[in-house]
Amino acid sequence: MVNLNEYGGERDATDRTADSDGGGYRMITLRLPYPLSANRYWETRVIRVKATGKWMSMTYVSAEAKAYKEEVGWLAKAAGIRKPFEGRVAIDIKLYPQRPQDWEKRARKNPECWDDDVRCIDLDNARKVLYDAFKGIVIVDDKWVRKDSGERMEPDGEARVIVTITPIVVVAAQAGLL
């Protein structure tokens, strides 16, 4: 059975619960490629302005960042998102770094914390890159993110990020109760 929702997509395994009227996503989970470092996301170029002879710096989004955003857009579309979530949302990020080849040796040496020194971008940088990639595709703007959480996970193979986006419904008080 195909059930179209307000986002124009077919419901799939990423749709967790439906609104009471059966339409629209209540939550969606996306499996995305590992985000690039914020250091590679932005590029700065120093140029000399001919008219004044002064030097000026310009910061802009890199080609690699544009490619990442485009890939996120295609994956969101494949998951059924046809327009950005409007209004308040909660976002949960699970960041999985690449598991190193010597992980078994590390795990034998330090079973509880073997992955503490595995190369991984920090959650704050991952969040910045993801929110920028989501803007206009998955969410209208990151100003609507009212709740966010993130966790660096134990590497289990492929580097990736799992993101769950949940709309936050604002319930208005009944007039008679005021």
N, C-alpha and C. Protein backbone atom coordinates (compact mmCIF):
# COMPACT_ATOMS: atom_id res chain seq x y z
N MET A 1 0.84 -1.18 0.00
CA MET A 1 0.00 0.00 0.00
C MET A 1 0.88 1.24 0.00
N VAL A 2 0.61 2.16 -0.87
CA VAL A 2 1.36 3.41 -0.93
C VAL A 2 0.56 4.47 -0.21
N ASN A 3 1.18 5.12 0.75
CA ASN A 3 0.52 6.15 1.52
C ASN A 3 1.32 7.43 1.35
N LEU A 4 0.80 8.38 0.59
CA LEU A 4 1.52 9.63 0.39
C LEU A 4 1.27 10.55 1.57
N ASN A 5 2.30 11.31 1.92
CA ASN A 5 2.16 12.23 3.04
C ASN A 5 2.39 13.65 2.56
N GLU A 6 2.37 14.61 3.48
CA GLU A 6 2.50 16.01 3.10
C GLU A 6 3.86 16.33 2.48
N TYR A 7 4.84 15.49 2.66
CA TYR A 7 6.15 15.73 2.09
C TYR A 7 6.25 15.13 0.69
N GLY A 8 5.17 14.53 0.22
CA GLY A 8 5.11 14.05 -1.15
C GLY A 8 5.77 12.71 -1.37
N GLY A 9 6.25 12.08 -0.34
CA GLY A 9 6.96 10.83 -0.51
C GLY A 9 6.17 9.63 -0.02
N GLU A 10 6.64 8.49 -0.38
CA GLU A 10 6.05 7.25 0.06
C GLU A 10 6.61 6.94 1.44
N ARG A 11 5.79 6.45 2.33
CA ARG A 11 6.29 6.08 3.66
C ARG A 11 7.26 4.92 3.53
N ASP A 12 8.30 4.96 4.31
CA ASP A 12 9.26 3.86 4.29
C ASP A 12 9.67 3.54 5.72
N ALA A 13 10.69 2.73 5.86
CA ALA A 13 11.11 2.28 7.19
C ALA A 13 11.58 3.42 8.06
N THR A 14 11.90 4.57 7.48
CA THR A 14 12.38 5.68 8.29
C THR A 14 11.24 6.42 8.98
N ASP A 15 10.01 6.22 8.56
CA ASP A 15 8.87 6.89 9.16
C ASP A 15 8.48 6.13 10.43
N ARG A 16 8.57 6.76 11.56
CA ARG A 16 8.33 6.06 12.82
C ARG A 16 6.88 6.12 13.29
N THR A 17 6.29 7.29 13.31
CA THR A 17 4.91 7.41 13.75
C THR A 17 4.20 8.43 12.88
N ALA A 18 2.93 8.27 12.72
CA ALA A 18 2.15 9.19 11.89
C ALA A 18 1.39 10.16 12.78
N ASP A 19 1.05 11.33 12.22
CA ASP A 19 0.17 12.25 12.92
C ASP A 19 -1.16 11.55 13.17
N SER A 20 -1.97 12.12 14.05
CA SER A 20 -3.25 11.50 14.37
C SER A 20 -4.15 11.37 13.15
N ASP A 21 -4.00 12.25 12.16
CA ASP A 21 -4.83 12.15 10.96
C ASP A 21 -4.22 11.23 9.91
N GLY A 22 -3.05 10.66 10.22
CA GLY A 22 -2.41 9.72 9.30
C GLY A 22 -1.54 10.37 8.25
N GLY A 23 -1.43 11.68 8.23
CA GLY A 23 -0.63 12.35 7.22
C GLY A 23 0.62 12.96 7.82
N GLY A 24 1.64 13.11 7.03
CA GLY A 24 2.85 13.80 7.46
C GLY A 24 3.77 12.95 8.32
N TYR A 25 5.03 13.25 8.22
CA TYR A 25 6.00 12.56 9.06
C TYR A 25 5.98 13.12 10.45
N ARG A 26 6.11 12.25 11.43
CA ARG A 26 6.32 12.69 12.80
C ARG A 26 7.81 12.63 13.09
N MET A 27 8.52 11.73 12.45
CA MET A 27 9.94 11.57 12.68
C MET A 27 10.53 10.89 11.45
N ILE A 28 11.73 11.29 11.10
CA ILE A 28 12.41 10.62 10.00
C ILE A 28 13.86 10.41 10.39
N THR A 29 14.39 9.27 10.01
CA THR A 29 15.79 8.95 10.28
C THR A 29 16.50 8.80 8.95
N LEU A 30 17.63 9.52 8.83
CA LEU A 30 18.42 9.50 7.61
C LEU A 30 19.80 8.91 7.90
N ARG A 31 20.24 8.03 7.03
CA ARG A 31 21.60 7.50 7.08
C ARG A 31 22.39 8.29 6.03
N LEU A 32 23.38 9.04 6.49
CA LEU A 32 24.11 9.95 5.62
C LEU A 32 25.60 9.65 5.64
N PRO A 33 26.31 10.08 4.60
CA PRO A 33 27.77 9.92 4.62
C PRO A 33 28.38 10.73 5.76
N TYR A 34 29.53 10.28 6.18
CA TYR A 34 30.28 10.96 7.23
C TYR A 34 30.50 12.42 6.82
N PRO A 35 30.18 13.37 7.71
CA PRO A 35 30.33 14.77 7.32
C PRO A 35 31.80 15.17 7.20
N LEU A 36 32.06 16.10 6.29
CA LEU A 36 33.42 16.59 6.17
C LEU A 36 33.71 17.55 7.32
N SER A 37 34.97 17.75 7.56
CA SER A 37 35.40 18.63 8.64
C SER A 37 35.01 20.07 8.33
N ALA A 38 34.67 20.81 9.36
CA ALA A 38 34.35 22.23 9.18
C ALA A 38 35.55 22.97 8.60
N ASN A 39 36.77 22.48 8.84
CA ASN A 39 37.97 23.09 8.27
C ASN A 39 37.99 22.98 6.75
N ARG A 40 37.38 21.94 6.21
CA ARG A 40 37.31 21.76 4.75
C ARG A 40 36.00 22.29 4.17
N TYR A 41 35.06 22.62 5.04
CA TYR A 41 33.77 23.11 4.60
C TYR A 41 33.87 24.54 4.07
N TRP A 42 34.66 25.35 4.74
CA TRP A 42 34.82 26.75 4.37
C TRP A 42 36.18 26.98 3.77
N GLU A 43 36.25 27.86 2.79
CA GLU A 43 37.52 28.27 2.21
C GLU A 43 37.62 29.78 2.30
N THR A 44 38.84 30.27 2.48
CA THR A 44 39.08 31.70 2.56
C THR A 44 40.08 32.08 1.49
N ARG A 45 39.79 33.15 0.82
CA ARG A 45 40.68 33.66 -0.21
C ARG A 45 40.97 35.13 0.09
N VAL A 46 42.22 35.51 -0.01
CA VAL A 46 42.62 36.90 0.18
C VAL A 46 42.85 37.51 -1.20
N ILE A 47 42.18 38.62 -1.44
CA ILE A 47 42.31 39.29 -2.74
C ILE A 47 42.67 40.76 -2.53
N ARG A 48 43.24 41.33 -3.54
CA ARG A 48 43.58 42.75 -3.49
C ARG A 48 42.56 43.50 -4.36
N VAL A 49 41.95 44.52 -3.77
CA VAL A 49 40.98 45.33 -4.48
C VAL A 49 41.75 46.38 -5.27
N LYS A 50 41.62 46.32 -6.59
CA LYS A 50 42.39 47.22 -7.46
C LYS A 50 42.09 48.69 -7.20
N ALA A 51 40.83 49.02 -7.01
CA ALA A 51 40.44 50.42 -6.86
C ALA A 51 41.08 51.08 -5.64
N THR A 52 41.17 50.31 -4.53
CA THR A 52 41.69 50.89 -3.29
C THR A 52 43.10 50.42 -2.97
N GLY A 53 43.52 49.33 -3.57
CA GLY A 53 44.83 48.78 -3.27
C GLY A 53 44.87 48.02 -1.95
N LYS A 54 43.73 47.90 -1.28
CA LYS A 54 43.66 47.20 0.02
C LYS A 54 43.40 45.72 -0.18
N TRP A 55 43.84 44.95 0.81
CA TRP A 55 43.62 43.50 0.81
C TRP A 55 42.32 43.20 1.53
N MET A 56 41.61 42.23 1.01
CA MET A 56 40.32 41.84 1.58
C MET A 56 40.22 40.32 1.57
N SER A 57 39.63 39.74 2.63
CA SER A 57 39.45 38.29 2.64
C SER A 57 37.98 37.95 2.41
N MET A 58 37.77 36.87 1.68
CA MET A 58 36.43 36.36 1.40
C MET A 58 36.37 34.92 1.90
N THR A 59 35.33 34.60 2.64
CA THR A 59 35.11 33.23 3.09
C THR A 59 33.87 32.71 2.39
N TYR A 60 33.97 31.50 1.87
CA TYR A 60 32.86 30.93 1.11
C TYR A 60 32.84 29.42 1.29
N VAL A 61 31.71 28.82 0.90
CA VAL A 61 31.52 27.38 1.01
C VAL A 61 32.34 26.71 -0.09
N SER A 62 33.07 25.67 0.28
CA SER A 62 33.94 24.96 -0.66
C SER A 62 33.15 24.10 -1.64
N ALA A 63 33.79 23.70 -2.71
CA ALA A 63 33.16 22.81 -3.69
C ALA A 63 32.82 21.47 -3.03
N GLU A 64 33.69 21.01 -2.14
CA GLU A 64 33.45 19.75 -1.42
C GLU A 64 32.19 19.86 -0.55
N ALA A 65 32.00 21.02 0.08
CA ALA A 65 30.81 21.25 0.91
C ALA A 65 29.55 21.27 0.05
N LYS A 66 29.63 21.90 -1.11
CA LYS A 66 28.48 21.93 -2.02
C LYS A 66 28.11 20.53 -2.48
N ALA A 67 29.13 19.70 -2.75
CA ALA A 67 28.88 18.32 -3.16
C ALA A 67 28.24 17.52 -2.03
N TYR A 68 28.68 17.75 -0.78
CA TYR A 68 28.10 17.05 0.37
C TYR A 68 26.62 17.44 0.52
N LYS A 69 26.33 18.74 0.42
CA LYS A 69 24.95 19.21 0.54
C LYS A 69 24.08 18.59 -0.56
N GLU A 70 24.61 18.51 -1.77
CA GLU A 70 23.85 17.92 -2.87
C GLU A 70 23.56 16.44 -2.60
N GLU A 71 24.55 15.72 -2.08
CA GLU A 71 24.35 14.31 -1.77
C GLU A 71 23.30 14.14 -0.66
N VAL A 72 23.37 14.99 0.37
CA VAL A 72 22.37 14.95 1.44
C VAL A 72 20.98 15.20 0.86
N GLY A 73 20.88 16.14 -0.07
CA GLY A 73 19.60 16.43 -0.71
C GLY A 73 19.03 15.24 -1.44
N TRP A 74 19.87 14.54 -2.19
CA TRP A 74 19.41 13.35 -2.92
C TRP A 74 18.98 12.24 -1.96
N LEU A 75 19.74 12.05 -0.87
CA LEU A 75 19.38 11.01 0.09
C LEU A 75 18.09 11.36 0.83
N ALA A 76 17.90 12.63 1.14
CA ALA A 76 16.65 13.07 1.77
C ALA A 76 15.47 12.84 0.84
N LYS A 77 15.66 13.16 -0.43
CA LYS A 77 14.60 12.95 -1.41
C LYS A 77 14.27 11.47 -1.54
N ALA A 78 15.31 10.62 -1.54
CA ALA A 78 15.09 9.17 -1.62
C ALA A 78 14.35 8.65 -0.39
N ALA A 79 14.51 9.33 0.75
CA ALA A 79 13.81 8.94 1.97
C ALA A 79 12.39 9.47 2.02
N GLY A 80 11.99 10.25 1.02
CA GLY A 80 10.62 10.73 0.95
C GLY A 80 10.42 12.18 1.32
N ILE A 81 11.47 12.92 1.60
CA ILE A 81 11.32 14.33 1.96
C ILE A 81 11.22 15.14 0.67
N ARG A 82 10.09 15.80 0.48
CA ARG A 82 9.87 16.60 -0.73
C ARG A 82 9.93 18.10 -0.45
N LYS A 83 9.77 18.45 0.82
CA LYS A 83 9.91 19.85 1.23
C LYS A 83 10.45 19.85 2.66
N PRO A 84 11.09 20.94 3.05
CA PRO A 84 11.68 20.98 4.40
C PRO A 84 10.61 20.95 5.49
N PHE A 85 10.97 20.37 6.63
CA PHE A 85 10.11 20.44 7.80
C PHE A 85 9.96 21.91 8.16
N GLU A 86 8.74 22.35 8.39
CA GLU A 86 8.50 23.73 8.77
C GLU A 86 8.28 23.81 10.26
N GLY A 87 8.81 24.84 10.89
CA GLY A 87 8.62 25.03 12.32
C GLY A 87 9.67 24.31 13.14
N ARG A 88 9.38 24.19 14.40
CA ARG A 88 10.32 23.64 15.38
C ARG A 88 10.61 22.16 15.14
N VAL A 89 11.88 21.80 15.32
CA VAL A 89 12.28 20.40 15.19
C VAL A 89 13.29 20.05 16.28
N ALA A 90 13.38 18.76 16.55
CA ALA A 90 14.42 18.20 17.40
C ALA A 90 15.29 17.33 16.50
N ILE A 91 16.60 17.42 16.67
CA ILE A 91 17.52 16.64 15.84
C ILE A 91 18.46 15.85 16.74
N ASP A 92 18.57 14.56 16.42
CA ASP A 92 19.47 13.66 17.14
C ASP A 92 20.51 13.13 16.16
N ILE A 93 21.78 13.24 16.54
CA ILE A 93 22.89 12.85 15.67
C ILE A 93 23.66 11.70 16.31
N LYS A 94 23.87 10.65 15.54
CA LYS A 94 24.73 9.53 15.95
C LYS A 94 25.88 9.48 14.94
N LEU A 95 27.09 9.81 15.40
CA LEU A 95 28.26 9.93 14.54
C LEU A 95 29.12 8.67 14.68
N TYR A 96 29.27 7.94 13.60
CA TYR A 96 30.06 6.72 13.58
C TYR A 96 31.36 6.97 12.81
N PRO A 97 32.51 7.05 13.51
CA PRO A 97 33.78 7.20 12.78
C PRO A 97 34.16 5.90 12.07
N GLN A 98 35.08 5.99 11.14
CA GLN A 98 35.60 4.81 10.43
C GLN A 98 36.32 3.90 11.44
N ARG A 99 36.04 2.62 11.39
CA ARG A 99 36.73 1.68 12.29
C ARG A 99 38.13 1.42 11.72
N PRO A 100 39.18 1.63 12.53
CA PRO A 100 40.54 1.42 12.02
C PRO A 100 40.84 -0.06 11.83
N GLN A 101 41.83 -0.34 10.99
CA GLN A 101 42.19 -1.73 10.71
C GLN A 101 42.69 -2.46 11.94
N ASP A 102 43.32 -1.74 12.87
CA ASP A 102 43.87 -2.37 14.07
C ASP A 102 42.90 -2.33 15.26
N TRP A 103 41.61 -2.24 14.99
CA TRP A 103 40.65 -2.09 16.07
C TRP A 103 40.65 -3.27 17.04
N GLU A 104 40.87 -4.48 16.55
CA GLU A 104 40.87 -5.65 17.44
C GLU A 104 42.03 -5.58 18.43
N LYS A 105 43.17 -5.16 17.94
CA LYS A 105 44.35 -5.00 18.81
C LYS A 105 44.07 -3.93 19.87
N ARG A 106 43.48 -2.83 19.45
CA ARG A 106 43.13 -1.76 20.39
C ARG A 106 42.13 -2.26 21.43
N ALA A 107 41.14 -3.03 20.98
CA ALA A 107 40.10 -3.53 21.88
C ALA A 107 40.67 -4.52 22.90
N ARG A 108 41.66 -5.30 22.50
CA ARG A 108 42.30 -6.21 23.47
C ARG A 108 43.07 -5.44 24.54
N LYS A 109 43.74 -4.39 24.12
CA LYS A 109 44.54 -3.58 25.05
C LYS A 109 43.67 -2.79 26.02
N ASN A 110 42.57 -2.25 25.52
CA ASN A 110 41.72 -1.38 26.33
C ASN A 110 40.25 -1.64 25.97
N PRO A 111 39.67 -2.72 26.49
CA PRO A 111 38.33 -3.13 26.07
C PRO A 111 37.23 -2.08 26.27
N GLU A 112 37.31 -1.29 27.33
CA GLU A 112 36.24 -0.33 27.62
C GLU A 112 36.33 0.94 26.78
N CYS A 113 37.54 1.39 26.47
CA CYS A 113 37.70 2.70 25.83
C CYS A 113 38.61 2.64 24.61
N TRP A 114 38.62 1.53 23.91
CA TRP A 114 39.55 1.37 22.79
C TRP A 114 39.37 2.42 21.70
N ASP A 115 38.18 2.96 21.59
CA ASP A 115 37.89 3.88 20.48
C ASP A 115 38.09 5.36 20.83
N ASP A 116 38.60 5.63 22.03
CA ASP A 116 38.79 7.03 22.43
C ASP A 116 39.77 7.79 21.54
N ASP A 117 40.74 7.10 20.97
CA ASP A 117 41.72 7.80 20.13
C ASP A 117 41.52 7.52 18.63
N VAL A 118 40.36 6.99 18.28
CA VAL A 118 40.04 6.80 16.86
C VAL A 118 39.77 8.18 16.26
N ARG A 119 40.31 8.43 15.09
CA ARG A 119 40.15 9.73 14.44
C ARG A 119 38.67 9.98 14.12
N CYS A 120 38.19 11.13 14.61
CA CYS A 120 36.78 11.48 14.45
C CYS A 120 36.64 12.99 14.55
N ILE A 121 35.79 13.57 13.70
CA ILE A 121 35.54 15.00 13.86
C ILE A 121 34.71 15.18 15.13
N ASP A 122 34.79 16.36 15.73
CA ASP A 122 34.03 16.56 16.95
C ASP A 122 32.55 16.83 16.60
N LEU A 123 31.70 16.55 17.55
CA LEU A 123 30.26 16.64 17.33
C LEU A 123 29.81 18.04 16.93
N ASP A 124 30.44 19.06 17.52
CA ASP A 124 30.04 20.42 17.20
C ASP A 124 30.27 20.73 15.73
N ASN A 125 31.42 20.34 15.19
CA ASN A 125 31.70 20.57 13.77
C ASN A 125 30.77 19.74 12.89
N ALA A 126 30.49 18.51 13.29
CA ALA A 126 29.56 17.67 12.52
C ALA A 126 28.18 18.33 12.48
N ARG A 127 27.76 18.85 13.61
CA ARG A 127 26.45 19.51 13.71
C ARG A 127 26.38 20.72 12.77
N LYS A 128 27.42 21.54 12.76
CA LYS A 128 27.44 22.73 11.89
C LYS A 128 27.33 22.34 10.42
N VAL A 129 28.10 21.35 10.02
CA VAL A 129 28.10 20.91 8.63
C VAL A 129 26.73 20.32 8.25
N LEU A 130 26.19 19.49 9.13
CA LEU A 130 24.89 18.86 8.85
C LEU A 130 23.77 19.90 8.76
N TYR A 131 23.73 20.82 9.70
CA TYR A 131 22.66 21.82 9.69
C TYR A 131 22.73 22.68 8.44
N ASP A 132 23.94 23.01 8.01
CA ASP A 132 24.07 23.78 6.79
C ASP A 132 23.60 22.97 5.58
N ALA A 133 23.93 21.68 5.56
CA ALA A 133 23.50 20.81 4.47
C ALA A 133 21.98 20.61 4.47
N PHE A 134 21.35 20.64 5.66
CA PHE A 134 19.91 20.45 5.78
C PHE A 134 19.11 21.68 5.37
N LYS A 135 19.72 22.86 5.48
CA LYS A 135 19.00 24.12 5.27
C LYS A 135 18.35 24.15 3.88
N GLY A 136 17.04 24.37 3.89
CA GLY A 136 16.28 24.46 2.66
C GLY A 136 15.94 23.12 2.03
N ILE A 137 16.46 22.03 2.60
CA ILE A 137 16.21 20.70 2.05
C ILE A 137 15.42 19.85 3.05
N VAL A 138 15.96 19.74 4.26
CA VAL A 138 15.33 18.93 5.30
C VAL A 138 14.62 19.82 6.33
N ILE A 139 15.25 20.93 6.67
CA ILE A 139 14.65 21.92 7.58
C ILE A 139 14.70 23.27 6.88
N VAL A 140 13.79 24.15 7.24
CA VAL A 140 13.77 25.47 6.62
C VAL A 140 15.05 26.22 6.96
N ASP A 141 15.41 26.22 8.24
CA ASP A 141 16.59 26.93 8.71
C ASP A 141 16.96 26.37 10.07
N ASP A 142 18.24 26.46 10.43
CA ASP A 142 18.64 25.90 11.71
C ASP A 142 18.13 26.71 12.90
N LYS A 143 17.55 27.88 12.66
CA LYS A 143 16.95 28.64 13.77
C LYS A 143 15.75 27.90 14.35
N TRP A 144 15.18 26.94 13.60
CA TRP A 144 14.03 26.17 14.05
C TRP A 144 14.42 24.94 14.86
N VAL A 145 15.71 24.68 15.00
CA VAL A 145 16.15 23.55 15.82
C VAL A 145 16.06 23.98 17.28
N ARG A 146 15.08 23.42 17.97
CA ARG A 146 14.83 23.79 19.36
C ARG A 146 15.47 22.82 20.34
N LYS A 147 15.78 21.65 19.85
CA LYS A 147 16.39 20.63 20.71
C LYS A 147 17.34 19.83 19.85
N ASP A 148 18.56 19.65 20.32
CA ASP A 148 19.47 18.78 19.58
C ASP A 148 20.29 17.96 20.55
N SER A 149 20.63 16.78 20.08
CA SER A 149 21.46 15.89 20.87
C SER A 149 22.40 15.18 19.91
N GLY A 150 23.52 14.78 20.42
CA GLY A 150 24.49 14.09 19.58
C GLY A 150 25.32 13.13 20.40
N GLU A 151 25.79 12.11 19.73
CA GLU A 151 26.61 11.10 20.41
C GLU A 151 27.61 10.54 19.42
N ARG A 152 28.84 10.45 19.88
CA ARG A 152 29.87 9.77 19.10
C ARG A 152 29.76 8.29 19.43
N MET A 153 29.57 7.49 18.40
CA MET A 153 29.33 6.06 18.59
C MET A 153 30.63 5.27 18.44
N GLU A 154 30.60 4.04 18.91
CA GLU A 154 31.75 3.15 18.72
C GLU A 154 31.83 2.77 17.24
N PRO A 155 33.01 2.88 16.66
CA PRO A 155 33.13 2.53 15.24
C PRO A 155 32.79 1.06 15.02
N ASP A 156 31.91 0.79 14.05
CA ASP A 156 31.51 -0.59 13.79
C ASP A 156 31.74 -0.97 12.33
N GLY A 157 32.49 -0.16 11.63
CA GLY A 157 32.77 -0.44 10.23
C GLY A 157 32.81 0.84 9.44
N GLU A 158 31.78 1.06 8.63
CA GLU A 158 31.70 2.21 7.73
C GLU A 158 31.46 3.52 8.50
N ALA A 159 32.20 4.56 8.12
CA ALA A 159 31.98 5.89 8.70
C ALA A 159 30.66 6.43 8.15
N ARG A 160 29.83 6.98 9.03
CA ARG A 160 28.53 7.50 8.63
C ARG A 160 27.94 8.32 9.76
N VAL A 161 26.82 8.94 9.49
CA VAL A 161 26.08 9.65 10.52
C VAL A 161 24.60 9.28 10.35
N ILE A 162 23.95 8.99 11.47
CA ILE A 162 22.53 8.68 11.49
C ILE A 162 21.84 9.87 12.17
N VAL A 163 20.92 10.49 11.45
CA VAL A 163 20.25 11.69 11.96
C VAL A 163 18.76 11.44 12.02
N THR A 164 18.17 11.73 13.18
CA THR A 164 16.73 11.61 13.37
C THR A 164 16.16 13.01 13.57
N ILE A 165 15.17 13.36 12.77
CA ILE A 165 14.55 14.67 12.84
C ILE A 165 13.10 14.47 13.23
N THR A 166 12.69 15.17 14.29
CA THR A 166 11.33 15.05 14.80
C THR A 166 10.70 16.43 14.89
N PRO A 167 9.56 16.66 14.24
CA PRO A 167 8.88 17.95 14.42
C PRO A 167 8.42 18.10 15.87
N ILE A 168 8.49 19.31 16.37
CA ILE A 168 8.00 19.61 17.72
C ILE A 168 6.67 20.32 17.56
N VAL A 169 5.63 19.71 18.06
CA VAL A 169 4.29 20.27 17.95
C VAL A 169 4.05 21.20 19.13
N VAL A 170 3.65 22.43 18.82
CA VAL A 170 3.32 23.41 19.85
C VAL A 170 1.82 23.31 20.11
N VAL A 171 1.48 23.01 21.34
CA VAL A 171 0.08 22.86 21.70
C VAL A 171 -0.38 24.15 22.36
N ALA A 172 -1.40 24.77 21.78
CA ALA A 172 -1.94 26.01 22.31
C ALA A 172 -2.88 25.70 23.47
N ALA A 173 -2.83 26.55 24.49
CA ALA A 173 -3.73 26.38 25.63
C ALA A 173 -5.16 26.68 25.20
N GLN A 174 -6.12 25.97 25.78
CA GLN A 174 -7.51 26.23 25.46
C GLN A 174 -7.93 27.56 26.06
N ALA A 175 -8.72 28.31 25.33
CA ALA A 175 -9.11 29.65 25.78
C ALA A 175 -9.81 29.62 27.13
N GLY A 176 -10.59 28.61 27.39
CA GLY A 176 -11.34 28.51 28.66
C GLY A 176 -10.45 28.27 29.86
N LEU A 177 -9.23 27.84 29.63
CA LEU A 177 -8.33 27.55 30.75
C LEU A 177 -7.51 28.78 31.16
N LEU A 178 -7.54 29.81 30.37
CA LEU A 178 -6.73 31.00 30.68
C LEU A 178 -7.37 31.92 31.67
